[in-house]
Protein backbone atom coordinates (compact mmCIF):
# COMPACT_ATOMS: atom_id res chain seq x y z
CA MET A 1 -0.15 0.52 0.33
CA LYS A 2 1.20 3.20 -0.87
CA LYS A 3 0.74 6.37 1.73
CA LEU A 4 -2.21 6.98 -0.38
CA ASP A 5 -3.89 4.15 0.15
CA TRP A 6 -2.64 4.15 4.13
CA TYR A 7 -4.32 7.80 3.89
CA ILE A 8 -7.64 6.88 3.57
CA PHE A 9 -7.66 3.49 4.76
CA LYS A 10 -6.70 4.81 8.18
CA LYS A 11 -9.11 8.05 7.35
CA TYR A 12 -11.75 5.59 6.57
CA LEU A 13 -11.50 3.65 9.62
CA GLY A 14 -11.09 6.38 12.15
CA THR A 15 -14.06 8.10 10.84
CA PHE A 16 -16.22 4.55 11.12
CA PHE A 17 -14.84 3.90 14.79
CA PHE A 18 -15.61 7.71 15.76
CA SER A 19 -18.85 8.10 14.63
CA ILE A 20 -19.82 4.35 16.21
CA SER A 21 -18.34 5.11 19.23
CA LEU A 22 -20.08 8.97 19.60
CA LEU A 23 -22.99 6.77 19.25
CA ILE A 24 -23.11 3.89 21.33
CA ILE A 25 -22.09 6.64 24.16
CA ILE A 26 -25.70 8.30 23.35
CA VAL A 27 -27.50 5.27 23.21
CA ILE A 28 -26.36 3.83 26.21
CA VAL A 29 -27.90 6.93 28.23
CA PHE A 30 -30.65 6.77 26.44
CA ASP A 31 -31.14 2.96 27.25
CA VAL A 32 -30.00 3.09 30.72
CA SER A 33 -33.03 6.74 30.90
CA GLU A 34 -35.55 4.07 29.60
CA ASN A 35 -34.28 1.23 31.94
CA ILE A 36 -33.73 2.54 35.02
CA ASP A 37 -36.58 2.22 37.20
CA SER A 38 -36.54 -2.06 35.79
CA PHE A 39 -32.76 -1.82 37.61
CA ILE A 40 -34.03 -0.22 40.66
CA LYS A 41 -36.82 -2.67 40.96
CA ASN A 42 -35.28 -6.02 40.82
CA GLU A 43 -32.21 -4.47 42.73
CA ALA A 44 -29.87 -5.44 39.92
CA THR A 45 -26.21 -4.24 40.71
CA PHE A 46 -24.28 -2.04 39.32
CA ARG A 47 -21.67 -4.41 38.60
CA GLU A 48 -23.96 -6.80 37.04
CA VAL A 49 -25.60 -3.70 34.63
CA VAL A 50 -22.28 -2.69 33.70
CA TYR A 51 -20.07 -5.89 33.34
CA ASP A 52 -23.25 -8.11 32.83
CA TYR A 53 -25.41 -5.96 30.28
CA TYR A 54 -24.13 -3.47 28.71
CA ILE A 55 -20.40 -3.93 27.87
CA PRO A 56 -21.62 -7.31 25.96
CA PHE A 57 -24.68 -4.76 24.40
CA ILE A 58 -21.57 -2.24 22.77
CA PRO A 59 -20.45 -5.93 19.99
CA TYR A 60 -23.82 -6.52 20.18
CA PHE A 61 -25.24 -2.27 18.46
CA ILE A 62 -21.70 -2.23 16.00
CA ASN A 63 -23.03 -5.31 14.45
CA LEU A 64 -26.81 -4.16 13.83
CA PHE A 65 -25.90 -0.32 12.66
CA ILE A 66 -23.03 -1.19 10.49
CA TYR A 67 -23.51 -0.87 7.66
CA LEU A 68 -25.57 2.47 8.05
CA PHE A 69 -22.41 3.39 9.84
CA VAL A 70 -19.91 2.17 7.20
CA PHE A 71 -22.11 4.40 4.83
CA ILE A 72 -21.99 7.45 6.12
CA SER A 73 -18.83 7.12 7.22
CA VAL A 74 -17.26 6.41 4.31
CA ILE A 75 -19.89 9.13 2.17
CA PHE A 76 -18.47 11.77 5.12
CA PHE A 77 -14.68 12.03 4.89
CA THR A 78 -14.94 11.16 0.75
CA SER A 79 -17.41 13.84 0.44
CA LYS A 80 -14.41 16.35 2.93
CA MET A 81 -12.39 15.14 -0.08
CA ALA A 82 -13.86 16.16 -2.96
CA GLY A 83 -14.97 19.44 -1.61
CA HIS A 84 -10.67 20.12 -0.89
CA THR A 85 -10.65 18.59 -4.88
CA GLU A 86 -8.65 15.81 -2.98
CA ILE A 87 -9.95 13.35 -5.29
CA ILE A 88 -9.62 15.39 -8.55
CA ALA A 89 -6.50 15.73 -8.37
CA ILE A 90 -5.63 11.81 -7.23
CA LEU A 91 -7.20 10.70 -10.50
CA SER A 92 -5.25 14.22 -12.12
CA SER A 93 -1.99 11.83 -11.41
CA GLY A 94 -3.19 9.47 -13.22
CA ILE A 95 -4.32 7.22 -10.69
CA SER A 96 -8.11 5.31 -12.31
CA PHE A 97 -10.64 5.20 -10.31
CA LYS A 98 -10.66 1.66 -9.35
CA ARG A 99 -6.95 2.29 -8.22
CA PHE A 100 -8.41 4.73 -6.28
CA LEU A 101 -11.47 2.46 -4.95
CA LEU A 102 -8.26 -0.10 -3.65
CA PRO A 103 -7.94 1.44 0.39
CA TYR A 104 -11.85 1.22 0.58
CA VAL A 105 -12.23 -2.41 -0.39
CA MET A 106 -9.30 -3.19 1.56
CA ALA A 107 -10.98 -1.45 4.89
CA ALA A 108 -14.62 -2.63 3.98
CA VAL A 109 -12.92 -6.25 3.94
CA LEU A 110 -11.70 -5.70 7.14
CA LEU A 111 -14.57 -4.59 8.39
CA SER A 112 -16.80 -7.43 6.73
CA ILE A 113 -14.46 -9.95 8.72
CA GLY A 114 -14.81 -8.23 11.72
CA SER A 115 -18.75 -8.54 11.18
CA PHE A 116 -18.85 -12.16 10.76
CA TYR A 117 -16.32 -12.51 13.71
CA LEU A 118 -19.30 -10.86 15.89
CA GLY A 119 -22.14 -12.04 14.11
CA ASN A 120 -21.73 -15.33 14.26
CA PHE A 121 -19.30 -16.34 17.58
CA LEU A 122 -18.78 -13.00 19.74
CA ILE A 123 -21.76 -11.69 20.61
CA PRO A 124 -23.70 -15.29 20.46
CA LYS A 125 -21.76 -16.07 22.95
CA THR A 126 -21.50 -12.12 24.99
CA ASP A 127 -25.23 -12.33 24.48
CA THR A 128 -26.28 -14.96 26.98
CA VAL A 129 -24.94 -12.85 29.87
CA ARG A 130 -26.85 -10.17 28.16
CA ARG A 131 -30.16 -12.32 27.51
CA GLU A 132 -29.45 -13.83 31.50
CA PHE A 133 -29.10 -10.43 32.74
CA LYS A 134 -31.80 -9.00 30.47
CA ASP A 135 -34.46 -12.58 31.25
CA LYS A 136 -33.74 -11.47 34.74
CA TYR A 137 -34.10 -7.92 35.27
CA ILE A 138 -35.75 -6.68 32.11
CA GLU A 139 -38.25 -8.32 29.58
CA ARG A 140 -39.16 -12.25 30.68
CA LEU A 141 -37.44 -14.11 27.43
CA THR A 142 -38.54 -17.65 28.90
CA LYS A 143 -42.29 -17.89 28.32
CA SER A 144 -44.41 -20.90 28.84
CA SER A 145 -45.81 -22.41 24.50
CA GLY A 146 -48.76 -22.36 26.46
CA SER A 147 -51.59 -25.22 27.02
CA ASN A 148 -52.35 -28.11 24.45
CA ILE A 149 -49.19 -28.76 23.73
CA HIS A 150 -47.85 -30.45 20.59
CA VAL A 151 -43.93 -31.69 19.85
CA GLN A 152 -42.63 -34.55 17.40
CA ILE A 153 -39.74 -35.29 19.21
CA GLU A 154 -38.35 -37.96 16.16
CA ARG A 155 -40.69 -39.34 12.36
CA GLY A 156 -43.87 -40.61 13.22
CA VAL A 157 -43.60 -40.07 17.45
CA TYR A 158 -45.82 -37.19 18.93
CA VAL A 159 -45.82 -36.06 22.47
CA TYR A 160 -48.81 -33.98 23.48
CA VAL A 161 -48.72 -31.97 26.44
CA GLY A 162 -51.95 -30.37 28.47
CA ASN A 163 -49.41 -27.36 30.50
CA PHE A 164 -45.64 -26.99 31.64
CA ASP A 165 -44.63 -25.69 34.68
CA ILE A 166 -41.01 -24.51 33.36
CA LYS A 167 -38.90 -24.17 37.78
CA ARG A 168 -40.54 -27.61 37.82
CA LYS A 169 -40.16 -28.83 34.75
CA VAL A 170 -42.89 -30.65 35.04
CA ALA A 171 -45.12 -31.88 32.00
CA TYR A 172 -49.43 -32.17 32.89
CA LYS A 173 -51.81 -34.11 30.68
CA PHE A 174 -48.63 -35.94 29.58
CA ALA A 175 -49.25 -38.55 25.85
CA LEU A 176 -46.79 -39.91 23.38
CA GLU A 177 -47.81 -41.53 20.04
CA LYS A 178 -46.19 -43.72 17.47
CA PHE A 179 -47.16 -43.98 13.91
CA GLU A 180 -45.99 -46.19 11.66
CA GLY A 181 -47.77 -44.61 8.12
CA ASN A 182 -51.26 -43.20 9.52
CA LYS A 183 -51.01 -45.89 12.00
CA MET A 184 -51.23 -45.65 15.61
CA THR A 185 -49.16 -48.58 16.93
CA TYR A 186 -48.15 -47.74 20.46
CA LYS A 187 -49.37 -44.80 23.16
CA ILE A 188 -48.38 -43.67 26.77
CA ILE A 189 -50.78 -41.19 28.25
CA ALA A 190 -49.68 -40.00 32.12
CA ASP A 191 -51.33 -37.59 34.59
CA LYS A 192 -47.89 -36.24 34.82
CA ALA A 193 -44.24 -36.15 33.55
CA SER A 194 -41.15 -35.12 35.28
CA TYR A 195 -37.93 -34.80 34.32
CA ASP A 196 -34.53 -35.61 36.49
CA THR A 197 -32.16 -33.94 35.45
CA ILE A 198 -29.84 -35.59 36.62
CA THR A 199 -30.84 -38.95 34.92
CA GLY A 200 -32.01 -37.13 31.67
CA LYS A 201 -35.52 -39.21 32.10
CA TRP A 202 -38.94 -38.25 32.60
CA LYS A 203 -40.44 -39.96 34.95
CA LEU A 204 -43.80 -40.97 34.36
CA ASP A 205 -46.90 -41.36 37.43
CA ASN A 206 -50.69 -42.85 36.55
CA TYR A 207 -49.85 -43.63 33.44
CA VAL A 208 -51.49 -45.89 30.67
CA GLU A 209 -49.30 -48.01 28.18
CA ARG A 210 -50.85 -49.19 25.05
CA ARG A 211 -48.58 -51.64 22.22
CA LEU A 212 -50.90 -52.16 19.07
CA GLU A 213 -49.63 -54.12 17.35
CA LYS A 214 -51.17 -57.53 16.37
CA ASN A 215 -52.55 -58.03 19.64
CA GLU A 216 -53.71 -54.92 21.47
CA ILE A 217 -51.78 -55.38 25.14
CA LEU A 218 -53.05 -52.66 27.55
CA THR A 219 -50.47 -51.83 31.03
CA ARG A 220 -51.99 -49.35 34.43
CA ALA A 221 -48.80 -49.06 36.69
CA LYS A 222 -48.22 -45.97 39.16
CA THR A 223 -44.63 -44.96 37.77
CA LYS A 224 -42.04 -45.56 35.19
CA ASP A 225 -39.25 -43.97 34.22
CA THR A 226 -38.61 -43.60 30.59
CA THR A 227 -35.90 -41.71 27.85
CA LEU A 228 -37.11 -39.93 25.66
CA LEU A 229 -35.74 -37.61 22.64
CA LEU A 230 -37.61 -35.15 24.49
CA LYS A 231 -36.19 -32.12 26.88
CA PRO A 232 -38.16 -29.90 28.41
CA ARG A 233 -36.56 -27.21 26.85
CA ASP A 234 -39.11 -28.70 23.71
CA LEU A 235 -41.83 -27.67 25.32
CA TYR A 236 -41.62 -23.31 25.78
CA ASN A 237 -40.36 -20.86 24.35
CA ILE A 238 -37.19 -18.77 24.14
CA LYS A 239 -37.28 -15.25 22.84
CA GLU A 240 -34.60 -15.07 19.92
CA GLU A 241 -33.28 -18.52 20.91
CA PHE A 242 -30.88 -18.38 18.03
CA GLU A 243 -29.35 -15.00 19.29
CA GLU A 244 -27.07 -17.13 21.43
CA MET A 245 -26.06 -19.58 19.16
CA ASN A 246 -22.96 -19.12 16.62
CA LEU A 247 -22.53 -20.07 13.44
CA PHE A 248 -22.42 -23.93 13.31
CA GLU A 249 -24.35 -24.20 16.77
CA ILE A 250 -27.61 -22.66 13.74
CA ARG A 251 -26.47 -25.36 11.44
CA ASN A 252 -26.06 -28.10 13.83
CA HIS A 253 -29.75 -27.24 15.30
CA ILE A 254 -31.28 -27.24 12.02
CA GLN A 255 -29.84 -31.07 11.86
CA ASN A 256 -31.53 -32.04 14.49
CA LEU A 257 -34.91 -30.33 13.74
CA GLU A 258 -35.35 -31.53 10.80
CA LEU A 259 -33.92 -35.10 11.97
CA LYS A 260 -37.59 -35.61 14.10
CA GLY A 261 -39.29 -34.30 11.19
CA ALA A 262 -39.78 -30.44 12.34
CA ASP A 263 -41.44 -27.84 10.38
CA ASN A 264 -40.07 -25.20 12.48
CA THR A 265 -36.42 -24.64 10.87
CA LEU A 266 -37.68 -21.93 9.15
CA PRO A 267 -36.47 -18.60 11.58
CA TYR A 268 -33.22 -20.67 11.94
CA LYS A 269 -31.99 -20.85 8.64
CA ILE A 270 -33.79 -17.38 7.87
CA GLU A 271 -31.19 -16.27 10.34
CA MET A 272 -27.86 -18.74 9.15
CA HIS A 273 -27.75 -17.34 5.77
CA ARG A 274 -28.48 -13.58 7.04
CA ARG A 275 -25.21 -14.17 8.96
CA ILE A 276 -23.38 -14.82 6.38
CA ALA A 277 -25.23 -12.40 3.86
CA SER A 278 -24.75 -9.62 5.89
CA PRO A 279 -21.25 -9.09 5.54
CA ALA A 280 -20.39 -9.12 2.12
CA ALA A 281 -22.84 -5.73 2.39
CA ILE A 282 -20.28 -3.87 3.80
CA ILE A 283 -17.91 -3.62 1.12
CA ILE A 284 -21.07 -3.04 -1.44
CA LEU A 285 -22.58 -0.24 0.23
CA THR A 286 -18.56 0.69 -0.12
CA VAL A 287 -18.00 1.22 -3.26
CA ILE A 288 -22.17 3.48 -3.47
CA GLY A 289 -20.56 5.35 -0.91
CA ALA A 290 -17.29 5.75 -2.53
CA ALA A 291 -18.65 6.61 -6.07
CA LEU A 292 -21.05 8.19 -5.03
CA SER A 293 -19.42 10.89 -3.15
CA SER A 294 -16.11 11.10 -5.03
CA ARG A 295 -17.88 13.79 -7.10
CA LYS A 296 -17.66 17.38 -6.42
CA VAL A 297 -21.16 18.98 -6.73
CA ARG A 298 -23.25 22.45 -5.54
CA GLY A 299 -25.16 20.58 -2.41
CA GLY A 300 -21.33 19.04 -0.87
CA MET A 301 -21.26 17.33 2.03
CA GLY A 302 -25.10 17.60 2.66
CA LEU A 303 -26.01 16.69 -0.23
CA HIS A 304 -23.92 12.95 -0.37
CA LEU A 305 -25.05 12.19 3.61
CA GLY A 306 -28.97 13.33 2.00
CA ILE A 307 -28.93 10.66 -0.80
CA GLY A 308 -26.18 7.86 1.64
CA ILE A 309 -29.22 8.22 4.44
CA VAL A 310 -31.54 7.35 2.01
CA ILE A 311 -29.64 4.34 0.15
CA THR A 312 -28.90 2.55 3.26
CA PHE A 313 -32.68 2.31 5.36
CA ALA A 314 -34.03 1.06 1.77
CA TYR A 315 -30.99 -1.22 2.12
CA ILE A 316 -32.19 -2.87 5.92
CA LEU A 317 -35.61 -2.52 3.56
CA PHE A 318 -35.26 -4.41 1.41
CA MET A 319 -33.90 -7.12 3.53
CA GLU A 320 -37.29 -7.07 5.90
CA PHE A 321 -39.25 -7.27 3.67
CA SER A 322 -36.67 -9.95 1.90
CA ARG A 323 -36.66 -12.02 5.51
CA VAL A 324 -40.75 -11.35 5.87
CA PHE A 325 -41.13 -13.08 2.31
CA ALA A 326 -39.12 -15.87 3.17
CA MET A 327 -41.51 -16.65 5.89
CA SER A 328 -44.15 -16.23 4.37
CA GLY A 329 -42.86 -18.99 1.86
CA VAL A 330 -42.30 -16.73 -1.43
CA PHE A 331 -38.92 -16.86 -1.40
CA SER A 332 -36.03 -19.07 -0.35
CA PRO A 333 -34.07 -18.32 2.64
CA PHE A 334 -31.35 -18.09 0.76
CA ILE A 335 -32.95 -16.23 -1.74
CA ALA A 336 -34.10 -13.95 0.64
CA ALA A 337 -30.62 -13.43 2.77
CA TRP A 338 -29.08 -12.21 -0.93
CA LEU A 339 -31.74 -10.56 -2.64
CA PRO A 340 -31.00 -7.59 -1.02
CA ASN A 341 -26.95 -7.81 -1.84
CA ILE A 342 -27.80 -8.67 -5.63
CA ILE A 343 -29.79 -5.59 -5.96
CA PHE A 344 -27.33 -2.54 -4.50
CA SER A 345 -24.98 -4.32 -6.16
CA ILE A 346 -26.52 -4.07 -9.58
CA ILE A 347 -27.07 0.10 -7.58
CA GLY A 348 -23.21 0.26 -6.98
CA ILE A 349 -22.02 -0.81 -10.97
CA TYR A 350 -24.00 1.88 -12.61
CA PHE A 351 -22.17 4.36 -9.58
CA PHE A 352 -18.74 2.57 -10.25
CA VAL A 353 -19.52 3.93 -13.75
CA LYS A 354 -21.36 6.90 -13.25
CA ALA A 355 -18.32 7.94 -10.99
CA PRO A 356 -15.71 10.35 -12.06
CA LYS A 357 -12.83 8.99 -13.68
């Protein structure tokens, strides 16, 4: 890298980290003012608030708004360079616009790698602590699935629970059915099923067992210990549970659900593909921002920033539309994750062609 490359590279990263650091401070101040009543009411200690909530909150926040601040940072310092006729001087010296973009792309690749690591590995680890704090002091993330819970634990095996006590890990009005094709081959019902966290077994109380083979076999007894492919976690909801899973854990979770024949894999697939596709947006938006703001215009930085913010929010809007279409089955999770990048890559090519040469 030449001196000019280092100059642009440092400008890019310096502007990005300075702007997002300022916003983090502002957001934390507003978040404290919003949640301070919950902290006091639930007797959260100062150490818990700082170390268990706000420190893990910082990487989560950076990765959440990285697209917006990448774009704004590129437009901000590139517009200043254009306003001071630095870009005209650079291009007049014989440097092509393609070569001029090299430090931008290198910085964007570095941020993309950082975003990929944050979203897929660091944040899921820190989010476990943050979400435990949030569940305890701010908002209940662990919620009952209500009554009449139906769960498929493996192919052809279904569990029904009237209701589930999360704290005691007790399922009331328990029933399990096995099917071969459309024919039921086994059924067991019990007044309640209690999960033993030490042995990993379920204890059934007052159960009736039916084996529907050539001759029906009926068994009644007080108690029975049995091992099932059923965990207490399968019987209640955790809000946005995938936030605590890294990329490999999400993939394994999807595979386990598919082995069970479950049909609730879609949110996890959307999240997995989003985490892979999102870092590429940093490179795409960087190229758009540099090409858009490298031309000296009468409106100056204000015009560039206005257009840039519109484009960034349009990208975020496209991401949300794609996610909704994926949830409704119109798009596959892969298409939903990559479609905004494809569309804005075309926009980036247009701005690159129109950029000053």
